[in-house]
Amino acid sequence: MGLEVLRAGLQSTVQDQGRFGYTHLGVSASGAADSFAFRIGNMLVGNPKHAAGIEMTIVGDKYRFQSDAYIALTGSEFEAELDNKPIPFWQGRSIKKEQILDIRSTKTGARCYLCITGGINVEDVMGAKTTHLTSGMGGVHGRILKKLDELDFGKLDDSIKPIQKLNESITTDNKIIRVTKGTQWLWFHKNQKNKFFQHQYRVTDLSNRMGLRLIGNAINTKKESEITTAGIPLGAIQIPGDGQPIISFVEHQTTGGYPIIANVISADLRKIGQLKPEDCFQFELISFGAAEKLKVDQEIFLHSLHHD
């Protein structure tokens, strides 16, 4: 049971929910860049949330199915056809052997997901199937998918029932990214914080799964721009010497020496995963309590999908 890659996209990888517990060894969790869309994809095909799928970036892949399958496409909507006919996102669909799924360019955000009943079967590395491109491990030999790659997928876990479709597509508003105060918040004068929040930043083409480099108002600190090396969490917004923010992302360095002005809230990390070069947005400061509530609300929504 499997599929063949007939045409490889820009950067397609096997991903799951992430490889946790190894930051002390310098290995960040990686995993799906938009874990919210990815989890819904697995729910649509009846997979557990940790099952592996395929993440496509900006330009998707073309596949031939070598066996019958049940699939769902989620995330940002891409131009997609099954045997030359449009295929919708955000709902499960049966696929027959020899059918061709062609996923081309994005219409909106940066990434979409192909989830398949049974999940993508690749070897576990340090307890996960997720690809970590920076270190070259996991997924398919630690790399992006290539033409003629063949991927196996498993069987449906009968204990998990797929949801048929969503009542409406999930959209992502990337114009506002909500944050909480960072560990070096007090290092920045009030006027610098105002600059950070009152003006837009643009995503540069130097951005990737490791981090998003931004350009906009340069931010200065009260102190020297480097600190004693410390841990860096997912979503940390660092201010390097040139004052242009860097958002640490799913393959982030686990330590660093730049001050952290703010942290992207957990509920908005999926927005970071859908930002592409030239996209513009503003940061918005919220309280830790509000951030926690937004994450809880997100989990309640996901849980509700099995009970609609």
Protein backbone atom coordinates (compact mmCIF):
# COMPACT_ATOMS: atom_id res chain seq x y z
CA MET A 1 0.00 0.00 0.00
CA GLY A 2 1.51 3.28 -1.01
CA LEU A 3 2.03 6.12 -3.46
CA GLU A 4 4.70 7.31 -5.88
CA VAL A 5 5.96 10.86 -6.29
CA LEU A 6 5.61 11.77 -9.98
CA ARG A 7 6.66 15.40 -9.49
CA ALA A 8 8.25 16.86 -6.40
CA GLY A 9 7.25 20.27 -5.10
CA LEU A 10 9.38 23.02 -3.62
CA GLN A 11 9.85 21.52 -0.15
CA SER A 12 7.72 18.52 0.76
CA THR A 13 8.52 16.41 3.80
CA VAL A 14 7.08 13.67 5.96
CA GLN A 15 5.93 15.21 9.24
CA ASP A 16 4.12 14.19 12.40
CA GLN A 17 3.41 16.02 15.67
CA GLY A 18 7.11 16.28 16.51
CA ARG A 19 10.08 14.68 18.21
CA PHE A 20 9.96 15.71 21.86
CA GLY A 21 12.38 15.25 24.74
CA TYR A 22 15.70 15.89 23.00
CA THR A 23 16.26 19.63 23.28
CA HIS A 24 18.99 18.97 25.85
CA LEU A 25 20.83 17.19 23.03
CA GLY A 26 20.37 20.14 20.69
CA VAL A 27 17.49 18.59 18.70
CA SER A 28 14.34 20.72 18.41
CA ALA A 29 10.97 19.01 18.04
CA SER A 30 10.33 19.81 14.35
CA GLY A 31 6.89 18.46 13.33
CA ALA A 32 4.13 20.00 11.21
CA ALA A 33 4.50 23.76 10.78
CA ASP A 34 0.72 24.18 11.05
CA SER A 35 -0.05 21.50 13.63
CA PHE A 36 -3.68 22.66 13.90
CA ALA A 37 -4.44 21.94 10.23
CA PHE A 38 -2.38 18.76 10.41
CA ARG A 39 -4.33 17.42 13.38
CA ILE A 40 -7.62 18.09 11.62
CA GLY A 41 -6.28 16.27 8.57
CA ASN A 42 -5.60 13.19 10.67
CA MET A 43 -9.05 13.43 12.23
CA LEU A 44 -10.64 13.56 8.77
CA VAL A 45 -9.05 10.22 7.84
CA GLY A 46 -9.46 8.51 11.21
CA ASN A 47 -5.82 8.60 12.27
CA PRO A 48 -4.44 9.24 15.75
CA LYS A 49 -3.03 12.75 16.03
CA HIS A 50 0.57 11.50 15.99
CA ALA A 51 0.25 9.72 12.60
CA ALA A 52 2.64 10.97 9.90
CA GLY A 53 1.53 12.82 6.78
CA ILE A 54 3.06 14.97 4.05
CA GLU A 55 3.68 18.70 4.41
CA MET A 56 3.96 20.68 1.16
CA THR A 57 5.34 24.22 0.95
CA ILE A 58 4.33 26.88 -1.64
CA VAL A 59 4.25 24.32 -4.49
CA GLY A 60 2.90 20.80 -4.01
CA ASP A 61 3.62 17.37 -5.45
CA LYS A 62 2.04 15.04 -7.99
CA TYR A 63 1.32 11.49 -6.81
CA ARG A 64 0.19 8.18 -8.28
CA PHE A 65 -1.61 5.95 -5.78
CA GLN A 66 -0.41 2.36 -5.93
CA SER A 67 -3.36 1.12 -3.88
CA ASP A 68 -6.76 2.29 -2.67
CA ALA A 69 -6.61 4.95 0.03
CA TYR A 70 -8.64 7.43 2.05
CA ILE A 71 -7.19 10.93 2.16
CA ALA A 72 -7.77 14.53 3.23
CA LEU A 73 -6.11 17.80 2.23
CA THR A 74 -5.89 20.56 4.84
CA GLY A 75 -3.96 23.73 5.56
CA SER A 76 -3.78 26.60 3.10
CA GLU A 77 -5.67 25.80 -0.08
CA PHE A 78 -3.49 24.89 -3.06
CA GLU A 79 -4.57 24.27 -6.64
CA ALA A 80 -5.37 20.55 -6.48
CA GLU A 81 -6.87 18.01 -8.88
CA LEU A 82 -7.67 14.31 -8.75
CA ASP A 83 -7.54 12.84 -12.27
CA ASN A 84 -7.78 16.38 -13.68
CA LYS A 85 -10.86 17.31 -11.64
CA PRO A 86 -10.76 19.77 -8.71
CA ILE A 87 -10.59 18.16 -5.29
CA PRO A 88 -11.81 20.05 -2.20
CA PHE A 89 -9.86 20.64 0.99
CA TRP A 90 -11.07 19.92 4.54
CA GLN A 91 -12.94 16.68 3.86
CA GLY A 92 -12.14 12.98 3.59
CA ARG A 93 -12.19 11.28 0.20
CA SER A 94 -11.70 7.74 -1.12
CA ILE A 95 -8.95 7.23 -3.70
CA LYS A 96 -8.70 4.30 -6.11
CA LYS A 97 -5.52 2.56 -7.20
CA GLU A 98 -3.80 4.33 -10.13
CA GLN A 99 -5.55 7.65 -9.54
CA ILE A 100 -3.37 10.76 -9.91
CA LEU A 101 -3.40 13.53 -7.29
CA ASP A 102 -1.84 16.74 -8.58
CA ILE A 103 -1.20 19.50 -6.03
CA ARG A 104 0.23 22.65 -7.58
CA SER A 105 0.72 26.21 -6.27
CA THR A 106 -0.75 27.74 -3.15
CA LYS A 107 -3.74 30.05 -3.41
CA THR A 108 -3.28 31.59 0.04
CA GLY A 109 -0.73 30.64 2.71
CA ALA A 110 2.52 28.69 2.76
CA ARG A 111 1.68 25.06 3.54
CA CYS A 112 -0.84 22.30 2.97
CA TYR A 113 -1.06 18.72 4.26
CA LEU A 114 -1.87 15.36 2.72
CA CYS A 115 -3.10 12.97 5.39
CA ILE A 116 -3.79 9.34 4.52
CA THR A 117 -5.60 6.69 6.52
CA GLY A 118 -2.99 4.63 8.35
CA GLY A 119 -0.37 7.37 8.18
CA ILE A 120 2.87 7.46 6.20
CA ASN A 121 5.14 4.58 7.18
CA VAL A 122 8.76 5.59 7.56
CA GLU A 123 11.29 4.50 10.16
CA ASP A 124 11.03 6.06 13.61
CA VAL A 125 14.09 8.09 14.58
CA MET A 126 14.30 9.04 18.25
CA GLY A 127 10.66 8.16 18.72
CA ALA A 128 9.16 10.07 15.78
CA LYS A 129 8.79 9.97 12.00
CA THR A 130 9.05 13.72 11.52
CA THR A 131 11.68 15.12 9.16
CA HIS A 132 14.26 17.46 10.70
CA LEU A 133 15.90 19.01 7.64
CA THR A 134 18.49 20.97 9.60
CA SER A 135 20.04 17.82 11.06
CA GLY A 136 19.11 15.53 8.14
CA MET A 137 17.17 12.92 10.10
CA GLY A 138 13.71 11.38 10.12
CA GLY A 139 11.20 11.15 7.29
CA VAL A 140 12.70 9.93 4.01
CA HIS A 141 16.43 9.88 4.77
CA GLY A 142 16.14 13.27 6.47
CA ARG A 143 15.43 15.11 3.22
CA ILE A 144 12.67 16.62 1.10
CA LEU A 145 10.70 14.34 -1.20
CA LYS A 146 12.06 13.70 -4.70
CA LYS A 147 10.59 12.45 -7.95
CA LEU A 148 10.18 8.63 -7.95
CA ASP A 149 10.14 8.38 -4.15
CA GLU A 150 7.69 5.70 -3.02
CA LEU A 151 5.93 5.98 0.33
CA ASP A 152 3.99 3.29 2.14
CA PHE A 153 0.97 3.97 4.29
CA GLY A 154 -0.73 1.82 6.91
CA LYS A 155 -4.23 0.61 7.63
CA LEU A 156 -7.12 2.31 9.38
CA ASP A 157 -7.19 2.03 13.15
CA ASP A 158 -10.78 0.86 13.61
CA SER A 159 -10.89 2.28 17.13
CA ILE A 160 -10.71 5.81 15.70
CA LYS A 161 -13.63 7.02 13.59
CA PRO A 162 -12.94 9.62 10.88
CA ILE A 163 -14.99 12.80 10.79
CA GLN A 164 -16.65 13.15 7.39
CA LYS A 165 -16.03 16.83 6.65
CA LEU A 166 -15.95 20.22 8.31
CA ASN A 167 -19.00 22.44 8.19
CA GLU A 168 -16.77 25.14 6.74
CA SER A 169 -13.14 25.54 5.73
CA ILE A 170 -10.65 26.67 8.34
CA THR A 171 -9.18 30.03 7.39
CA THR A 172 -6.07 31.61 8.87
CA ASP A 173 -5.83 35.37 9.40
CA ASN A 174 -2.10 36.05 9.40
CA LYS A 175 -2.34 39.84 9.61
CA ILE A 176 -2.06 39.86 13.42
CA ILE A 177 0.33 37.61 15.38
CA ARG A 178 -0.34 37.63 19.12
CA VAL A 179 2.56 37.49 21.57
CA THR A 180 3.40 37.56 25.26
CA LYS A 181 6.34 39.28 26.95
CA GLY A 182 9.73 37.65 26.37
CA THR A 183 12.45 36.83 28.88
CA GLN A 184 14.39 40.03 28.08
CA TRP A 185 11.30 42.26 27.84
CA LEU A 186 12.79 44.76 30.32
CA TRP A 187 15.88 45.19 28.15
CA PHE A 188 13.87 47.32 25.73
CA HIS A 189 12.85 50.96 26.20
CA LYS A 190 9.16 51.84 25.91
CA ASN A 191 9.72 53.66 22.60
CA GLN A 192 11.36 50.53 21.15
CA LYS A 193 8.45 48.37 22.28
CA ASN A 194 6.05 50.84 20.66
CA LYS A 195 7.98 50.56 17.39
CA PHE A 196 7.76 46.77 17.63
CA PHE A 197 3.97 46.74 17.97
CA GLN A 198 2.82 49.77 15.98
CA HIS A 199 4.27 48.93 12.57
CA GLN A 200 4.18 45.99 10.19
CA TYR A 201 6.98 43.52 9.58
CA ARG A 202 7.60 41.69 6.32
CA VAL A 203 8.73 38.06 6.01
CA THR A 204 12.00 37.81 4.05
CA ASP A 205 13.06 35.06 1.66
CA LEU A 206 15.68 33.96 4.21
CA SER A 207 12.89 32.34 6.24
CA ASN A 208 12.46 28.58 6.63
CA ARG A 209 11.38 25.90 9.11
CA MET A 210 14.24 26.92 11.39
CA GLY A 211 13.14 30.52 11.73
CA LEU A 212 11.47 33.50 10.08
CA ARG A 213 13.65 36.52 9.44
CA LEU A 214 11.69 39.76 9.33
CA ILE A 215 12.35 43.24 8.03
CA GLY A 216 10.77 46.43 9.32
CA ASN A 217 11.48 48.84 12.15
CA ALA A 218 14.83 47.96 13.71
CA ILE A 219 14.61 47.48 17.49
CA ASN A 220 17.39 48.55 19.84
CA THR A 221 18.07 47.27 23.35
CA LYS A 222 19.17 49.11 26.48
CA LYS A 223 22.13 46.76 26.74
CA GLU A 224 24.50 45.03 24.34
CA SER A 225 22.66 42.96 21.76
CA GLU A 226 24.03 39.60 22.93
CA ILE A 227 23.39 37.74 26.18
CA THR A 228 24.84 34.69 27.85
CA THR A 229 23.80 31.68 25.79
CA ALA A 230 20.39 30.47 26.95
CA GLY A 231 17.60 28.16 25.85
CA ILE A 232 15.33 29.24 23.00
CA PRO A 233 11.68 28.10 22.98
CA LEU A 234 9.53 27.61 19.91
CA GLY A 235 8.06 30.97 18.89
CA ALA A 236 10.68 33.11 20.64
CA ILE A 237 11.24 36.46 18.91
CA GLN A 238 14.92 37.34 19.11
CA ILE A 239 16.44 40.74 18.37
CA PRO A 240 19.94 40.37 16.87
CA GLY A 241 22.50 43.14 16.42
CA ASP A 242 20.84 44.62 13.31
CA GLY A 243 17.55 45.03 15.21
CA GLN A 244 15.48 42.97 12.74
CA PRO A 245 13.41 40.30 14.56
CA ILE A 246 13.85 36.56 14.07
CA ILE A 247 11.02 34.17 15.04
CA SER A 248 12.30 30.76 16.11
CA PHE A 249 10.26 28.03 14.44
CA VAL A 250 9.83 24.26 14.45
CA GLU A 251 13.48 23.41 13.64
CA HIS A 252 14.87 26.22 15.78
CA GLN A 253 18.24 26.24 17.50
CA THR A 254 17.81 25.10 21.07
CA THR A 255 20.19 27.75 22.47
CA GLY A 256 21.15 31.25 21.42
CA GLY A 257 22.60 34.56 22.53
CA TYR A 258 20.16 37.23 21.35
CA PRO A 259 17.64 38.90 23.68
CA ILE A 260 14.03 37.70 23.38
CA ILE A 261 11.54 40.57 23.30
CA ALA A 262 8.41 38.42 23.00
CA ASN A 263 7.05 34.93 22.35
CA VAL A 264 4.39 33.96 19.82
CA ILE A 265 1.46 32.41 21.69
CA SER A 266 0.84 28.69 21.18
CA ALA A 267 -2.53 29.26 19.49
CA ASP A 268 -0.89 31.46 16.83
CA LEU A 269 2.05 29.22 15.96
CA ARG A 270 -0.07 27.80 13.15
CA LYS A 271 -0.18 31.31 11.66
CA ILE A 272 3.62 31.38 11.59
CA GLY A 273 3.54 28.12 9.64
CA GLN A 274 1.38 29.75 6.97
CA LEU A 275 3.47 32.90 6.47
CA LYS A 276 5.45 33.05 3.24
CA PRO A 277 8.06 35.49 1.92
CA GLU A 278 6.70 39.02 1.34
CA ASP A 279 3.73 38.50 3.71
CA CYS A 280 3.25 41.45 6.10
CA PHE A 281 1.77 41.43 9.60
CA GLN A 282 1.77 43.17 12.98
CA PHE A 283 2.45 41.86 16.46
CA GLU A 284 -0.13 42.29 19.23
CA LEU A 285 0.71 41.97 22.93
CA ILE A 286 -1.70 39.97 25.11
CA SER A 287 -1.54 38.65 28.67
CA PHE A 288 -0.37 35.17 29.63
CA GLY A 289 -3.89 34.41 30.86
CA ALA A 290 -5.44 35.40 27.53
CA ALA A 291 -2.86 33.30 25.67
CA GLU A 292 -3.68 30.28 27.80
CA LYS A 293 -7.41 30.71 27.18
CA LEU A 294 -6.90 30.91 23.42
CA LYS A 295 -4.96 27.64 23.48
CA VAL A 296 -7.64 25.95 25.59
CA ASP A 297 -10.34 27.21 23.20
CA GLN A 298 -8.38 25.77 20.28
CA GLU A 299 -8.19 22.36 21.97
CA ILE A 300 -11.92 22.48 22.80
CA PHE A 301 -12.67 23.14 19.13
CA LEU A 302 -10.57 20.17 18.01
CA HIS A 303 -12.24 17.93 20.58
CA SER A 304 -15.68 19.11 19.42
CA LEU A 305 -15.11 17.88 15.88
CA HIS A 306 -15.55 14.28 17.02
CA HIS A 307 -18.85 15.14 18.66
CA ASP A 308 -20.63 17.26 16.03
